[in-house]
Amino acid sequence: MQSSKRWLYFLGAVLVALLLAWFGTKFIRTPNDRFSPSQLLLFGLIVTLGGICLLSLPELKKSWLPGVVVTAIGFYGCARAAGSISESWLARIIGVAAWAVAVIILYVTWPRYRRTG
């Protein structure tokens, strides 16, 4: 049972990491407003939900920093969709942070097997 739970966490982390990597690449390459507000809002909501899910997992309570950063990136997407943030330098920093967090999330949730007995 624990093995299937770990794989489920890992598959969810892969989906969030792919979304973070795609938007991170877009933020690094084209930091200007090339996204529609609906795309940014969808990105912000999905990533915020992923960050909250990471923060709520009891198995990952020692690795809380990626969850906080993912949630902050999601809030950034929502704020940019609302038009309250439009600095291009901040978009590049968020793009690099998104890539870093995608790697950290995959590392933290990587299924490791413990031998018992």
N, C-alpha and C. Protein backbone atom coordinates (compact mmCIF):
# COMPACT_ATOMS: atom_id res chain seq x y z
N MET A 1 0.82 -1.19 0.00
CA MET A 1 0.00 0.00 0.00
C MET A 1 0.86 1.26 0.00
N GLN A 2 1.92 1.25 0.80
CA GLN A 2 2.79 2.42 0.86
C GLN A 2 3.46 2.68 -0.48
N SER A 3 3.79 1.62 -1.18
CA SER A 3 4.45 1.77 -2.47
C SER A 3 3.53 2.46 -3.48
N SER A 4 2.27 2.07 -3.51
CA SER A 4 1.34 2.70 -4.45
C SER A 4 1.08 4.15 -4.07
N LYS A 5 1.08 4.45 -2.77
CA LYS A 5 0.91 5.83 -2.33
C LYS A 5 2.09 6.70 -2.77
N ARG A 6 3.29 6.16 -2.66
CA ARG A 6 4.48 6.90 -3.11
C ARG A 6 4.44 7.15 -4.60
N TRP A 7 4.01 6.16 -5.36
CA TRP A 7 3.93 6.35 -6.81
C TRP A 7 2.86 7.36 -7.18
N LEU A 8 1.77 7.38 -6.45
CA LEU A 8 0.73 8.37 -6.70
C LEU A 8 1.24 9.78 -6.42
N TYR A 9 1.97 9.96 -5.32
CA TYR A 9 2.58 11.25 -5.02
C TYR A 9 3.56 11.65 -6.11
N PHE A 10 4.33 10.68 -6.57
CA PHE A 10 5.32 10.97 -7.59
C PHE A 10 4.66 11.36 -8.90
N LEU A 11 3.60 10.68 -9.29
CA LEU A 11 2.91 11.03 -10.55
C LEU A 11 2.28 12.42 -10.47
N GLY A 12 1.71 12.76 -9.31
CA GLY A 12 1.20 14.12 -9.13
C GLY A 12 2.31 15.15 -9.20
N ALA A 13 3.46 14.83 -8.62
CA ALA A 13 4.60 15.74 -8.66
C ALA A 13 5.13 15.90 -10.08
N VAL A 14 5.09 14.84 -10.86
CA VAL A 14 5.54 14.93 -12.25
C VAL A 14 4.64 15.88 -13.03
N LEU A 15 3.34 15.78 -12.82
CA LEU A 15 2.42 16.69 -13.52
C LEU A 15 2.67 18.14 -13.14
N VAL A 16 2.84 18.41 -11.85
CA VAL A 16 3.11 19.78 -11.40
C VAL A 16 4.47 20.24 -11.92
N ALA A 17 5.48 19.35 -11.92
CA ALA A 17 6.81 19.71 -12.40
C ALA A 17 6.80 20.02 -13.90
N LEU A 18 6.03 19.27 -14.66
CA LEU A 18 5.93 19.56 -16.09
C LEU A 18 5.28 20.93 -16.33
N LEU A 19 4.25 21.23 -15.59
CA LEU A 19 3.60 22.53 -15.71
C LEU A 19 4.56 23.65 -15.29
N LEU A 20 5.27 23.44 -14.20
CA LEU A 20 6.25 24.44 -13.76
C LEU A 20 7.37 24.63 -14.78
N ALA A 21 7.86 23.55 -15.35
CA ALA A 21 8.93 23.64 -16.34
C ALA A 21 8.47 24.36 -17.60
N TRP A 22 7.27 24.07 -18.05
CA TRP A 22 6.77 24.71 -19.26
C TRP A 22 6.58 26.21 -19.06
N PHE A 23 5.89 26.58 -17.98
CA PHE A 23 5.69 28.00 -17.72
C PHE A 23 7.01 28.69 -17.34
N GLY A 24 7.90 27.99 -16.65
CA GLY A 24 9.20 28.56 -16.32
C GLY A 24 9.99 28.90 -17.56
N THR A 25 9.97 28.01 -18.54
CA THR A 25 10.64 28.27 -19.81
C THR A 25 10.02 29.47 -20.51
N LYS A 26 8.71 29.55 -20.50
CA LYS A 26 8.04 30.69 -21.12
C LYS A 26 8.38 32.00 -20.40
N PHE A 27 8.43 31.97 -19.07
CA PHE A 27 8.76 33.18 -18.32
C PHE A 27 10.21 33.61 -18.56
N ILE A 28 11.11 32.66 -18.74
CA ILE A 28 12.51 33.02 -18.99
C ILE A 28 12.70 33.57 -20.38
N ARG A 29 12.09 32.92 -21.37
CA ARG A 29 12.29 33.34 -22.76
C ARG A 29 11.50 34.59 -23.12
N THR A 30 10.26 34.65 -22.74
CA THR A 30 9.41 35.79 -23.10
C THR A 30 8.76 36.35 -21.84
N PRO A 31 9.48 37.19 -21.08
CA PRO A 31 8.92 37.68 -19.83
C PRO A 31 7.82 38.73 -20.01
N ASN A 32 7.68 39.27 -21.20
CA ASN A 32 6.61 40.26 -21.42
C ASN A 32 5.26 39.56 -21.44
N ASP A 33 4.22 40.32 -21.55
CA ASP A 33 2.87 39.75 -21.49
C ASP A 33 2.51 39.03 -22.78
N ARG A 34 2.99 37.83 -22.92
CA ARG A 34 2.62 36.99 -24.06
C ARG A 34 1.57 35.97 -23.66
N PHE A 35 1.22 35.97 -22.40
CA PHE A 35 0.20 35.06 -21.91
C PHE A 35 -1.11 35.82 -21.78
N SER A 36 -2.18 35.11 -22.03
CA SER A 36 -3.48 35.72 -21.79
C SER A 36 -3.77 35.64 -20.28
N PRO A 37 -4.62 36.53 -19.78
CA PRO A 37 -4.95 36.46 -18.36
C PRO A 37 -5.57 35.13 -17.95
N SER A 38 -6.32 34.50 -18.85
CA SER A 38 -6.91 33.20 -18.50
C SER A 38 -5.85 32.12 -18.38
N GLN A 39 -4.81 32.16 -19.23
CA GLN A 39 -3.72 31.20 -19.11
C GLN A 39 -2.97 31.40 -17.79
N LEU A 40 -2.70 32.64 -17.45
CA LEU A 40 -2.00 32.92 -16.20
C LEU A 40 -2.83 32.53 -14.98
N LEU A 41 -4.12 32.78 -15.06
CA LEU A 41 -4.99 32.41 -13.95
C LEU A 41 -5.06 30.89 -13.79
N LEU A 42 -5.18 30.18 -14.89
CA LEU A 42 -5.20 28.72 -14.84
C LEU A 42 -3.89 28.18 -14.28
N PHE A 43 -2.77 28.73 -14.75
CA PHE A 43 -1.47 28.34 -14.23
C PHE A 43 -1.39 28.61 -12.73
N GLY A 44 -1.80 29.80 -12.31
CA GLY A 44 -1.73 30.16 -10.91
C GLY A 44 -2.58 29.27 -10.02
N LEU A 45 -3.78 28.97 -10.47
CA LEU A 45 -4.67 28.13 -9.67
C LEU A 45 -4.17 26.69 -9.56
N ILE A 46 -3.70 26.13 -10.68
CA ILE A 46 -3.22 24.74 -10.65
C ILE A 46 -1.95 24.63 -9.81
N VAL A 47 -1.04 25.58 -9.97
CA VAL A 47 0.21 25.50 -9.22
C VAL A 47 -0.03 25.79 -7.74
N THR A 48 -0.93 26.71 -7.42
CA THR A 48 -1.25 26.96 -6.01
C THR A 48 -1.86 25.71 -5.39
N LEU A 49 -2.76 25.07 -6.10
CA LEU A 49 -3.35 23.82 -5.60
C LEU A 49 -2.29 22.74 -5.41
N GLY A 50 -1.35 22.65 -6.35
CA GLY A 50 -0.25 21.68 -6.20
C GLY A 50 0.63 21.99 -5.01
N GLY A 51 0.89 23.26 -4.76
CA GLY A 51 1.69 23.65 -3.60
C GLY A 51 0.99 23.35 -2.30
N ILE A 52 -0.30 23.59 -2.26
CA ILE A 52 -1.06 23.28 -1.05
C ILE A 52 -1.11 21.78 -0.81
N CYS A 53 -1.23 21.01 -1.88
CA CYS A 53 -1.20 19.55 -1.73
C CYS A 53 0.16 19.08 -1.22
N LEU A 54 1.24 19.69 -1.71
CA LEU A 54 2.56 19.33 -1.21
C LEU A 54 2.72 19.68 0.26
N LEU A 55 2.19 20.82 0.67
CA LEU A 55 2.29 21.22 2.06
C LEU A 55 1.45 20.34 2.98
N SER A 56 0.39 19.75 2.46
CA SER A 56 -0.50 18.97 3.31
C SER A 56 -0.11 17.50 3.43
N LEU A 57 0.87 17.05 2.67
CA LEU A 57 1.26 15.64 2.74
C LEU A 57 2.06 15.37 4.01
N PRO A 58 1.58 14.46 4.84
CA PRO A 58 2.32 14.18 6.08
C PRO A 58 3.67 13.51 5.82
N GLU A 59 3.80 12.80 4.72
CA GLU A 59 5.06 12.14 4.41
C GLU A 59 6.14 13.13 4.01
N LEU A 60 5.76 14.32 3.58
CA LEU A 60 6.73 15.31 3.11
C LEU A 60 6.83 16.51 4.03
N LYS A 61 6.50 16.35 5.31
CA LYS A 61 6.48 17.51 6.19
C LYS A 61 7.88 18.04 6.49
N LYS A 62 8.92 17.24 6.31
CA LYS A 62 10.27 17.75 6.48
C LYS A 62 10.73 18.56 5.27
N SER A 63 10.09 18.37 4.14
CA SER A 63 10.44 19.08 2.91
C SER A 63 9.35 20.10 2.59
N TRP A 64 9.19 21.09 3.44
CA TRP A 64 8.12 22.06 3.29
C TRP A 64 8.50 23.21 2.35
N LEU A 65 9.79 23.46 2.14
CA LEU A 65 10.20 24.59 1.32
C LEU A 65 9.71 24.52 -0.13
N PRO A 66 9.80 23.36 -0.82
CA PRO A 66 9.25 23.32 -2.19
C PRO A 66 7.76 23.64 -2.24
N GLY A 67 7.01 23.20 -1.25
CA GLY A 67 5.58 23.50 -1.22
C GLY A 67 5.31 24.99 -1.08
N VAL A 68 6.11 25.65 -0.25
CA VAL A 68 5.95 27.11 -0.07
C VAL A 68 6.31 27.85 -1.35
N VAL A 69 7.40 27.44 -2.00
CA VAL A 69 7.81 28.11 -3.24
C VAL A 69 6.80 27.87 -4.35
N VAL A 70 6.30 26.65 -4.46
CA VAL A 70 5.29 26.35 -5.48
C VAL A 70 4.03 27.18 -5.24
N THR A 71 3.60 27.30 -4.00
CA THR A 71 2.43 28.10 -3.69
C THR A 71 2.67 29.57 -4.03
N ALA A 72 3.87 30.07 -3.74
CA ALA A 72 4.20 31.47 -4.07
C ALA A 72 4.22 31.70 -5.57
N ILE A 73 4.73 30.74 -6.33
CA ILE A 73 4.71 30.87 -7.79
C ILE A 73 3.28 30.87 -8.31
N GLY A 74 2.43 30.08 -7.70
CA GLY A 74 1.01 30.09 -8.08
C GLY A 74 0.34 31.42 -7.79
N PHE A 75 0.66 31.99 -6.63
CA PHE A 75 0.12 33.31 -6.30
C PHE A 75 0.63 34.37 -7.27
N TYR A 76 1.89 34.24 -7.71
CA TYR A 76 2.43 35.15 -8.70
C TYR A 76 1.64 35.06 -10.01
N GLY A 77 1.32 33.84 -10.43
CA GLY A 77 0.53 33.68 -11.65
C GLY A 77 -0.84 34.32 -11.54
N CYS A 78 -1.48 34.18 -10.37
CA CYS A 78 -2.79 34.80 -10.17
C CYS A 78 -2.68 36.33 -10.13
N ALA A 79 -1.63 36.83 -9.48
CA ALA A 79 -1.45 38.29 -9.41
C ALA A 79 -1.12 38.87 -10.78
N ARG A 80 -0.36 38.15 -11.56
CA ARG A 80 -0.05 38.63 -12.91
C ARG A 80 -1.28 38.58 -13.80
N ALA A 81 -2.14 37.60 -13.60
CA ALA A 81 -3.38 37.52 -14.37
C ALA A 81 -4.29 38.69 -14.03
N ALA A 82 -4.25 39.13 -12.77
CA ALA A 82 -5.08 40.26 -12.36
C ALA A 82 -4.50 41.59 -12.81
N GLY A 83 -3.23 41.59 -13.24
CA GLY A 83 -2.61 42.81 -13.73
C GLY A 83 -1.89 43.62 -12.67
N SER A 84 -1.73 43.07 -11.48
CA SER A 84 -1.08 43.84 -10.42
C SER A 84 0.44 43.72 -10.46
N ILE A 85 0.99 42.74 -11.18
CA ILE A 85 2.43 42.57 -11.34
C ILE A 85 2.73 42.47 -12.83
N SER A 86 3.68 43.27 -13.31
CA SER A 86 4.02 43.18 -14.74
C SER A 86 5.51 43.39 -15.01
N GLU A 87 6.37 43.30 -14.00
CA GLU A 87 7.80 43.50 -14.20
C GLU A 87 8.41 42.30 -14.91
N SER A 88 9.22 42.57 -15.96
CA SER A 88 9.81 41.47 -16.72
C SER A 88 10.95 40.80 -15.95
N TRP A 89 11.68 41.52 -15.13
CA TRP A 89 12.77 40.90 -14.37
C TRP A 89 12.23 39.91 -13.35
N LEU A 90 11.06 40.22 -12.78
CA LEU A 90 10.46 39.30 -11.82
C LEU A 90 9.99 38.03 -12.51
N ALA A 91 9.53 38.16 -13.75
CA ALA A 91 9.10 36.98 -14.50
C ALA A 91 10.27 36.04 -14.74
N ARG A 92 11.45 36.60 -15.02
CA ARG A 92 12.62 35.75 -15.24
C ARG A 92 13.05 35.05 -13.95
N ILE A 93 12.99 35.77 -12.84
CA ILE A 93 13.33 35.15 -11.56
C ILE A 93 12.35 34.03 -11.23
N ILE A 94 11.07 34.28 -11.46
CA ILE A 94 10.05 33.25 -11.22
C ILE A 94 10.26 32.06 -12.16
N GLY A 95 10.69 32.31 -13.39
CA GLY A 95 10.97 31.22 -14.32
C GLY A 95 12.09 30.32 -13.84
N VAL A 96 13.17 30.93 -13.34
CA VAL A 96 14.28 30.15 -12.80
C VAL A 96 13.84 29.41 -11.54
N ALA A 97 13.07 30.08 -10.69
CA ALA A 97 12.57 29.43 -9.47
C ALA A 97 11.65 28.26 -9.82
N ALA A 98 10.84 28.42 -10.85
CA ALA A 98 9.95 27.34 -11.26
C ALA A 98 10.74 26.11 -11.70
N TRP A 99 11.81 26.32 -12.46
CA TRP A 99 12.65 25.20 -12.86
C TRP A 99 13.31 24.54 -11.65
N ALA A 100 13.82 25.35 -10.73
CA ALA A 100 14.48 24.80 -9.55
C ALA A 100 13.51 23.98 -8.70
N VAL A 101 12.32 24.52 -8.51
CA VAL A 101 11.32 23.81 -7.70
C VAL A 101 10.85 22.54 -8.40
N ALA A 102 10.76 22.56 -9.73
CA ALA A 102 10.37 21.34 -10.44
C ALA A 102 11.37 20.22 -10.19
N VAL A 103 12.65 20.56 -10.18
CA VAL A 103 13.68 19.55 -9.90
C VAL A 103 13.60 19.09 -8.45
N ILE A 104 13.41 20.04 -7.52
CA ILE A 104 13.35 19.69 -6.10
C ILE A 104 12.13 18.82 -5.81
N ILE A 105 11.00 19.15 -6.42
CA ILE A 105 9.79 18.35 -6.20
C ILE A 105 10.00 16.91 -6.66
N LEU A 106 10.62 16.75 -7.81
CA LEU A 106 10.86 15.39 -8.30
C LEU A 106 11.84 14.65 -7.40
N TYR A 107 12.84 15.36 -6.88
CA TYR A 107 13.80 14.72 -5.98
C TYR A 107 13.13 14.30 -4.67
N VAL A 108 12.29 15.17 -4.13
CA VAL A 108 11.66 14.89 -2.84
C VAL A 108 10.65 13.76 -2.94
N THR A 109 9.93 13.71 -4.02
CA THR A 109 8.88 12.69 -4.15
C THR A 109 9.34 11.42 -4.87
N TRP A 110 10.60 11.34 -5.22
CA TRP A 110 11.12 10.15 -5.92
C TRP A 110 10.87 8.92 -5.07
N PRO A 111 10.26 7.89 -5.63
CA PRO A 111 9.95 6.69 -4.84
C PRO A 111 11.23 5.96 -4.42
N ARG A 112 11.43 5.89 -3.14
CA ARG A 112 12.57 5.17 -2.58
C ARG A 112 12.04 3.94 -1.85
N TYR A 113 12.75 2.87 -1.95
CA TYR A 113 12.29 1.65 -1.32
C TYR A 113 13.15 1.37 -0.10
N ARG A 114 12.51 1.04 0.99
CA ARG A 114 13.20 0.68 2.22
C ARG A 114 13.09 -0.83 2.39
N ARG A 115 14.20 -1.42 2.70
CA ARG A 115 14.18 -2.86 2.96
C ARG A 115 13.89 -3.10 4.42
N THR A 116 12.95 -3.96 4.66
CA THR A 116 12.62 -4.31 6.04
C THR A 116 12.92 -5.78 6.25
N GLY A 117 13.31 -6.11 7.46
CA GLY A 117 13.49 -7.51 7.75
C GLY A 117 14.86 -7.93 8.00
